[in-house]
Amino acid sequence: MTFFDIAAAVREADERIRDAILRTPLEAVPDLDRRSGARVLVKWECDQRTGSFKLRGALSFLRSLSSAERSRGVVAASTGNHGLAMTEAARLEGVRLTLFVPLSIAPFKRDRLRASGSDMIIAGATCEQSEIMARDAASASGRVYASPYNDLRIVAGQGTLGLEIAAAAPDADDILVPVGGGGLAAGVGGVLRSRRPKIRVWGVEPVRSAFMSASLGAGRLIDVAEKPTLADAVAGGIEPGAITFGLCRDFLEGILTVPESALRPAVSRLERLHGRPVEGAGALPLAALLAHQRAFRGRTVVLLVSGGNAAPARPVMLPKDPVSNKMGPRNTRCD
């Protein structure tokens, strides 16, 4: 069982960050009602500043630091949403951020992170190597390392989305949330289940990178074979000892997995509804709803579209990394 009060942590995080984040829209979508047999509400978190939910956790983290920690600066590693969020949060807070990215970073991601104003260091051939170097640099310099999910301050910040859903849709029966490292699902699940124990909060993973699903099934964090996925923002393993494992175990109804063939149509449908790009990871909840319709018929379902920083059209590829599927003393996700 979890031995800290995640709901209280989320409420405290909301107090810390509410002045700087957007309250993103929750929209009824009759077209999806007809298709699924459920009453469907879409939480457009892709409208959040920096294009994803990650800003919530980044701000919660930085605003929790002591004056001494802030003065020394912060180190992070990312090739995507976490890096964009940490860069914006550091700018807002006047904290120096050093961001490590691997040599394998896609050029469009590198250019966007550089344009965001990051003090960026390109080092390491892979995401894992870049993160190890970032942790080493933080330790050697006495700076704080900002994990993308394995930190209560980060998880609590992501969980503020749950407070918004509770206020806007108090009658919701089911919440579908993308899962990568589990920070978003853990925070949202923790705060919503503490308020309404009977609400069902579901994590959603792509079949090709279903680390949390396999780990919850095994009762411990395990490694799985991983394949390329359009939902690249949630791809990768989970750090040994991650607090998100216990939180997801305690507060999620379960994990739904979706095949790759369901993701592209879900992305296209959400883009038509919203009029702007949606990430593959952000489309996971819709793909799960349509793949598991019987479980949700006649219920009010919230789909959490977690991000909109979609890559330019390209083949879905993962970096060639001979150790990317090995567990070790590191976090193996790049976003």
Protein backbone atom coordinates (compact mmCIF):
# COMPACT_ATOMS: atom_id res chain seq x y z
CA MET A 1 0.00 0.00 0.00
CA THR A 2 1.00 3.63 -0.49
CA PHE A 3 2.11 5.36 2.71
CA PHE A 4 1.67 9.01 1.78
CA ASP A 5 -1.45 11.03 1.11
CA ILE A 6 -1.44 11.55 -2.64
CA ALA A 7 -4.73 13.50 -2.56
CA ALA A 8 -3.27 16.00 -0.09
CA ALA A 9 -0.11 16.27 -2.20
CA VAL A 10 -2.22 17.04 -5.29
CA ARG A 11 -4.20 19.74 -3.47
CA GLU A 12 -0.96 21.35 -2.30
CA ALA A 13 0.43 21.21 -5.84
CA ASP A 14 -2.73 22.89 -7.14
CA GLU A 15 -2.16 25.77 -4.71
CA ARG A 16 1.40 26.08 -5.98
CA ILE A 17 0.73 26.14 -9.71
CA ARG A 18 -2.83 27.30 -10.35
CA ASP A 19 -1.75 30.85 -11.23
CA ALA A 20 0.50 29.71 -14.06
CA ILE A 21 -1.34 26.88 -15.83
CA LEU A 22 -4.34 26.83 -18.12
CA ARG A 23 -7.59 25.21 -17.04
CA THR A 24 -7.95 23.21 -20.23
CA PRO A 25 -11.39 22.60 -21.76
CA LEU A 26 -13.57 19.56 -21.10
CA GLU A 27 -15.83 19.09 -24.11
CA ALA A 28 -18.82 16.87 -24.85
CA VAL A 29 -18.44 15.08 -28.19
CA PRO A 30 -21.77 13.74 -29.52
CA ASP A 31 -20.02 12.11 -32.49
CA LEU A 32 -18.12 9.87 -30.09
CA ASP A 33 -21.29 9.22 -28.07
CA ARG A 34 -22.93 7.73 -31.16
CA ARG A 35 -19.86 5.72 -32.04
CA SER A 36 -19.20 4.26 -28.59
CA GLY A 37 -22.58 4.05 -26.84
CA ALA A 38 -21.15 6.06 -23.95
CA ARG A 39 -21.47 9.73 -23.00
CA VAL A 40 -18.00 10.95 -23.94
CA LEU A 41 -16.18 14.02 -22.62
CA VAL A 42 -12.73 14.95 -23.92
CA LYS A 43 -10.24 16.77 -21.71
CA TRP A 44 -8.09 18.73 -24.17
CA GLU A 45 -4.85 18.94 -22.19
CA CYS A 46 -3.07 19.27 -25.52
CA ASP A 47 -4.10 22.94 -25.19
CA GLN A 48 -1.89 23.34 -22.12
CA ARG A 49 1.11 25.68 -22.26
CA THR A 50 4.05 23.84 -23.91
CA GLY A 51 1.51 21.49 -25.52
CA SER A 52 1.17 18.83 -22.83
CA PHE A 53 0.32 18.07 -19.19
CA LYS A 54 4.01 18.03 -18.27
CA LEU A 55 4.08 21.73 -17.32
CA ARG A 56 1.97 20.94 -14.25
CA GLY A 57 4.55 18.59 -12.80
CA ALA A 58 7.51 20.74 -13.79
CA LEU A 59 6.08 23.81 -12.04
CA SER A 60 5.07 21.80 -8.99
CA PHE A 61 8.61 20.47 -8.79
CA LEU A 62 10.43 23.79 -9.16
CA ARG A 63 8.12 25.61 -6.78
CA SER A 64 8.82 22.97 -4.13
CA LEU A 65 12.57 23.57 -4.11
CA SER A 66 14.35 25.38 -1.33
CA SER A 67 16.05 28.71 -2.00
CA ALA A 68 19.43 26.99 -1.91
CA GLU A 69 18.35 24.35 -4.41
CA ARG A 70 16.91 26.98 -6.73
CA SER A 71 20.10 29.01 -6.61
CA ARG A 72 22.22 26.03 -7.68
CA GLY A 73 19.99 25.19 -10.63
CA VAL A 74 18.36 22.03 -11.94
CA VAL A 75 19.35 19.28 -14.36
CA ALA A 76 16.99 17.24 -16.54
CA ALA A 77 17.17 14.84 -19.48
CA SER A 78 14.55 14.70 -22.21
CA THR A 79 13.90 14.72 -25.93
CA GLY A 80 10.36 16.03 -25.76
CA ASN A 81 7.52 17.14 -23.52
CA HIS A 82 9.38 16.95 -20.20
CA GLY A 83 12.17 19.10 -21.61
CA LEU A 84 9.78 21.68 -23.02
CA ALA A 85 7.90 21.83 -19.72
CA MET A 86 11.02 22.10 -17.58
CA THR A 87 12.38 24.83 -19.83
CA GLU A 88 9.20 26.90 -19.54
CA ALA A 89 8.89 26.32 -15.80
CA ALA A 90 12.54 27.29 -15.28
CA ARG A 91 11.98 30.47 -17.29
CA LEU A 92 8.92 31.38 -15.22
CA GLU A 93 10.76 30.71 -11.97
CA GLY A 94 14.11 32.23 -12.88
CA VAL A 95 15.90 28.94 -12.24
CA ARG A 96 18.82 27.82 -14.38
CA LEU A 97 18.11 24.56 -16.18
CA THR A 98 20.65 22.35 -17.90
CA LEU A 99 18.96 19.91 -20.26
CA PHE A 100 20.76 16.82 -21.55
CA VAL A 101 19.60 15.30 -24.85
CA PRO A 102 21.06 12.34 -26.75
CA LEU A 103 22.79 12.38 -30.10
CA SER A 104 19.89 10.28 -31.39
CA ILE A 105 17.35 13.05 -30.82
CA ALA A 106 15.14 13.75 -33.83
CA PRO A 107 16.15 17.03 -35.51
CA PHE A 108 12.68 18.61 -35.12
CA LYS A 109 12.75 17.90 -31.37
CA ARG A 110 16.29 19.24 -31.03
CA ASP A 111 15.36 22.43 -32.86
CA ARG A 112 12.24 22.99 -30.79
CA LEU A 113 14.06 22.46 -27.49
CA ARG A 114 16.86 24.77 -28.59
CA ALA A 115 14.34 27.43 -29.64
CA SER A 116 12.70 27.18 -26.20
CA GLY A 117 15.83 28.63 -24.64
CA SER A 118 17.24 25.53 -22.96
CA ASP A 119 20.85 25.40 -21.81
CA MET A 120 21.10 22.23 -23.85
CA ILE A 121 23.92 19.69 -23.82
CA ILE A 122 23.88 17.04 -26.54
CA ALA A 123 25.65 14.04 -25.05
CA GLY A 124 25.30 10.28 -25.08
CA ALA A 125 24.35 8.09 -28.00
CA THR A 126 20.99 7.07 -26.54
CA CYS A 127 18.31 8.36 -24.17
CA GLU A 128 19.61 6.12 -21.39
CA GLN A 129 23.18 7.31 -21.73
CA SER A 130 22.08 10.94 -21.84
CA GLU A 131 20.09 10.52 -18.65
CA ILE A 132 22.94 8.79 -16.83
CA MET A 133 25.18 11.71 -17.76
CA ALA A 134 22.55 14.18 -16.55
CA ARG A 135 22.24 12.43 -13.19
CA ASP A 136 26.02 12.32 -12.85
CA ALA A 137 26.29 16.03 -13.67
CA ALA A 138 23.61 16.89 -11.11
CA SER A 139 25.31 14.83 -8.41
CA ALA A 140 28.77 16.23 -9.13
CA SER A 141 27.57 19.83 -9.02
CA GLY A 142 25.14 19.56 -6.09
CA ARG A 143 22.16 20.35 -8.30
CA VAL A 144 18.76 18.67 -8.23
CA TYR A 145 17.87 16.17 -10.93
CA ALA A 146 14.28 16.47 -12.20
CA SER A 147 12.80 13.07 -13.06
CA PRO A 148 9.94 13.11 -15.59
CA TYR A 149 7.74 10.98 -13.28
CA ASN A 150 9.56 9.36 -10.34
CA ASP A 151 9.05 12.18 -7.86
CA LEU A 152 6.03 12.93 -5.67
CA ARG A 153 6.17 16.64 -6.55
CA ILE A 154 5.95 15.78 -10.25
CA VAL A 155 3.16 13.23 -9.73
CA ALA A 156 1.17 15.67 -7.59
CA GLY A 157 1.45 18.36 -10.24
CA GLN A 158 0.15 16.03 -12.92
CA GLY A 159 -2.66 15.03 -10.56
CA THR A 160 -4.09 18.55 -10.62
CA LEU A 161 -5.75 17.46 -13.85
CA GLY A 162 -7.89 15.19 -11.69
CA LEU A 163 -9.13 18.15 -9.66
CA GLU A 164 -10.20 19.90 -12.85
CA ILE A 165 -12.03 16.81 -14.08
CA ALA A 166 -13.78 16.38 -10.71
CA ALA A 167 -14.99 20.00 -10.81
CA ALA A 168 -16.16 19.93 -14.44
CA ALA A 169 -17.57 16.39 -14.60
CA PRO A 170 -18.66 15.34 -11.07
CA ASP A 171 -20.83 12.57 -12.54
CA ALA A 172 -18.07 10.90 -14.56
CA ASP A 173 -17.98 7.12 -14.25
CA ASP A 174 -14.70 6.35 -16.01
CA ILE A 175 -11.49 8.26 -16.73
CA LEU A 176 -9.07 6.97 -19.39
CA VAL A 177 -5.48 8.19 -18.99
CA PRO A 178 -2.34 7.48 -21.07
CA VAL A 179 0.42 5.67 -19.17
CA GLY A 180 4.15 5.89 -19.73
CA GLY A 181 6.10 6.20 -16.49
CA GLY A 182 2.74 6.43 -14.72
CA GLY A 183 3.00 9.90 -13.18
CA LEU A 184 -0.15 11.27 -14.82
CA ALA A 185 -2.25 8.17 -14.13
CA ALA A 186 -0.97 7.93 -10.55
CA GLY A 187 -1.77 11.55 -9.74
CA VAL A 188 -5.17 11.60 -11.43
CA GLY A 189 -6.13 8.19 -10.07
CA GLY A 190 -5.01 9.04 -6.55
CA VAL A 191 -6.94 12.27 -6.22
CA LEU A 192 -10.12 11.06 -7.94
CA ARG A 193 -10.35 7.75 -6.10
CA SER A 194 -9.81 9.53 -2.78
CA ARG A 195 -12.88 11.65 -3.54
CA ARG A 196 -15.06 9.00 -5.18
CA PRO A 197 -13.89 5.45 -4.44
CA LYS A 198 -16.26 3.96 -7.02
CA ILE A 199 -15.02 5.99 -9.97
CA ARG A 200 -13.00 3.88 -12.40
CA VAL A 201 -9.67 5.34 -13.52
CA TRP A 202 -8.05 3.32 -16.30
CA GLY A 203 -4.51 3.55 -17.57
CA VAL A 204 -3.98 3.02 -21.30
CA GLU A 205 -0.80 1.73 -22.94
CA PRO A 206 0.16 0.69 -26.47
CA VAL A 207 0.57 -3.06 -26.81
CA ARG A 208 4.05 -2.45 -28.17
CA SER A 209 5.29 -0.77 -24.96
CA ALA A 210 3.04 -2.08 -22.19
CA PHE A 211 5.50 -1.94 -19.30
CA MET A 212 3.04 -0.92 -16.56
CA SER A 213 0.44 -3.48 -17.62
CA ALA A 214 2.98 -6.29 -17.51
CA SER A 215 4.43 -5.09 -14.21
CA LEU A 216 1.06 -4.81 -12.47
CA GLY A 217 0.22 -8.29 -13.73
CA ALA A 218 3.46 -9.65 -12.30
CA GLY A 219 3.17 -7.75 -9.03
CA ARG A 220 6.55 -6.09 -9.55
CA LEU A 221 8.37 -3.97 -12.08
CA ILE A 222 9.52 -6.13 -14.97
CA ASP A 223 11.07 -5.70 -18.39
CA VAL A 224 9.17 -6.47 -21.59
CA ALA A 225 10.09 -6.69 -25.24
CA GLU A 226 9.42 -3.32 -26.87
CA LYS A 227 8.55 -2.43 -30.46
CA PRO A 228 8.14 0.88 -32.31
CA THR A 229 4.90 2.72 -31.53
CA LEU A 230 3.13 5.83 -32.71
CA ALA A 231 2.61 6.60 -29.01
CA ASP A 232 6.31 7.34 -28.62
CA ALA A 233 5.76 9.78 -25.74
CA VAL A 234 4.85 6.83 -23.48
CA ALA A 235 7.42 4.38 -24.83
CA GLY A 236 10.16 3.02 -22.62
CA GLY A 237 10.70 1.21 -19.35
CA ILE A 238 9.96 2.24 -15.78
CA GLU A 239 12.74 3.10 -13.35
CA PRO A 240 13.34 0.49 -10.61
CA GLY A 241 11.76 1.65 -7.36
CA ALA A 242 9.48 4.15 -9.12
CA ILE A 243 6.77 5.47 -6.79
CA THR A 244 4.30 5.38 -9.65
CA PHE A 245 4.11 1.58 -9.63
CA GLY A 246 2.52 1.43 -6.16
CA LEU A 247 0.22 4.35 -6.90
CA CYS A 248 -1.02 2.81 -10.14
CA ARG A 249 -1.49 -0.52 -8.37
CA ASP A 250 -3.54 1.10 -5.61
CA PHE A 251 -5.64 3.59 -7.57
CA LEU A 252 -6.17 2.33 -11.10
CA GLU A 253 -9.03 0.05 -12.05
CA GLY A 254 -6.67 -1.56 -14.49
CA ILE A 255 -4.60 -1.02 -17.62
CA LEU A 256 -6.15 -1.23 -21.08
CA THR A 257 -3.81 -1.96 -23.97
CA VAL A 258 -4.46 -1.00 -27.58
CA PRO A 259 -2.95 -2.36 -30.79
CA GLU A 260 -0.95 -0.14 -33.08
CA SER A 261 -3.62 -0.47 -35.77
CA ALA A 262 -6.08 1.42 -33.53
CA LEU A 263 -3.84 4.41 -32.88
CA ARG A 264 -3.63 6.14 -36.27
CA PRO A 265 -7.45 6.23 -36.72
CA ALA A 266 -7.83 7.61 -33.18
CA VAL A 267 -5.29 10.36 -33.87
CA SER A 268 -7.07 11.28 -37.10
CA ARG A 269 -10.50 11.38 -35.47
CA LEU A 270 -9.29 13.61 -32.61
CA GLU A 271 -7.55 15.92 -35.05
CA ARG A 272 -10.78 16.29 -37.03
CA LEU A 273 -12.73 17.01 -33.85
CA HIS A 274 -10.19 19.44 -32.44
CA GLY A 275 -8.73 21.00 -35.57
CA ARG A 276 -5.13 20.58 -34.47
CA PRO A 277 -2.51 17.82 -34.13
CA VAL A 278 -2.75 15.30 -31.30
CA GLU A 279 0.11 13.04 -30.21
CA GLY A 280 -0.14 9.30 -30.60
CA ALA A 281 0.02 9.00 -26.80
CA GLY A 282 -2.80 11.52 -26.45
CA ALA A 283 -5.02 9.37 -28.66
CA LEU A 284 -4.58 6.24 -26.52
CA PRO A 285 -7.76 6.86 -24.46
CA LEU A 286 -9.97 7.14 -27.55
CA ALA A 287 -8.38 4.05 -29.07
CA ALA A 288 -9.08 2.16 -25.84
CA LEU A 289 -12.69 3.37 -25.65
CA LEU A 290 -13.39 2.16 -29.18
CA ALA A 291 -11.55 -1.13 -28.65
CA HIS A 292 -13.37 -1.89 -25.37
CA GLN A 293 -16.81 -0.39 -26.06
CA ARG A 294 -18.80 -2.96 -24.12
CA ALA A 295 -17.14 -1.96 -20.84
CA PHE A 296 -18.28 1.66 -21.22
CA ARG A 297 -21.75 1.58 -22.78
CA GLY A 298 -24.23 3.77 -20.94
CA ARG A 299 -21.48 5.33 -18.80
CA THR A 300 -19.98 8.83 -18.71
CA VAL A 301 -16.38 8.57 -19.86
CA VAL A 302 -13.64 11.20 -19.81
CA LEU A 303 -10.83 10.82 -22.35
CA LEU A 304 -7.68 12.63 -21.28
CA VAL A 305 -5.84 13.87 -24.39
CA SER A 306 -2.47 14.40 -22.77
CA GLY A 307 -0.51 16.23 -25.45
CA GLY A 308 -0.43 17.79 -28.89
CA ASN A 309 3.26 18.00 -29.74
CA ALA A 310 2.94 15.72 -32.73
CA ALA A 311 5.95 14.95 -34.87
CA PRO A 312 5.99 15.73 -38.59
CA ALA A 313 4.67 12.82 -40.63
CA ARG A 314 7.34 10.11 -40.68
CA PRO A 315 7.77 6.36 -40.19
CA VAL A 316 7.48 5.41 -36.53
CA MET A 317 10.95 4.41 -35.35
CA LEU A 318 12.68 3.92 -32.03
CA PRO A 319 16.40 4.65 -31.71
CA LYS A 320 18.65 1.63 -32.17
CA ASP A 321 19.79 0.97 -28.64
CA PRO A 322 21.03 -2.46 -27.56
CA VAL A 323 20.28 -1.77 -23.89
CA SER A 324 16.93 0.03 -24.22
CA ASN A 325 15.00 -2.99 -22.96
CA LYS A 326 17.21 -3.66 -19.96
CA MET A 327 16.26 -2.60 -16.48
CA GLY A 328 18.93 -0.72 -14.57
CA PRO A 329 19.46 2.18 -12.17
CA ARG A 330 17.90 4.63 -14.60
CA ASN A 331 14.74 5.82 -16.27
CA THR A 332 14.47 4.55 -19.83
CA ARG A 333 11.96 6.94 -21.35
CA CYS A 334 12.96 9.88 -23.52
CA ASP A 335 9.91 12.15 -23.50
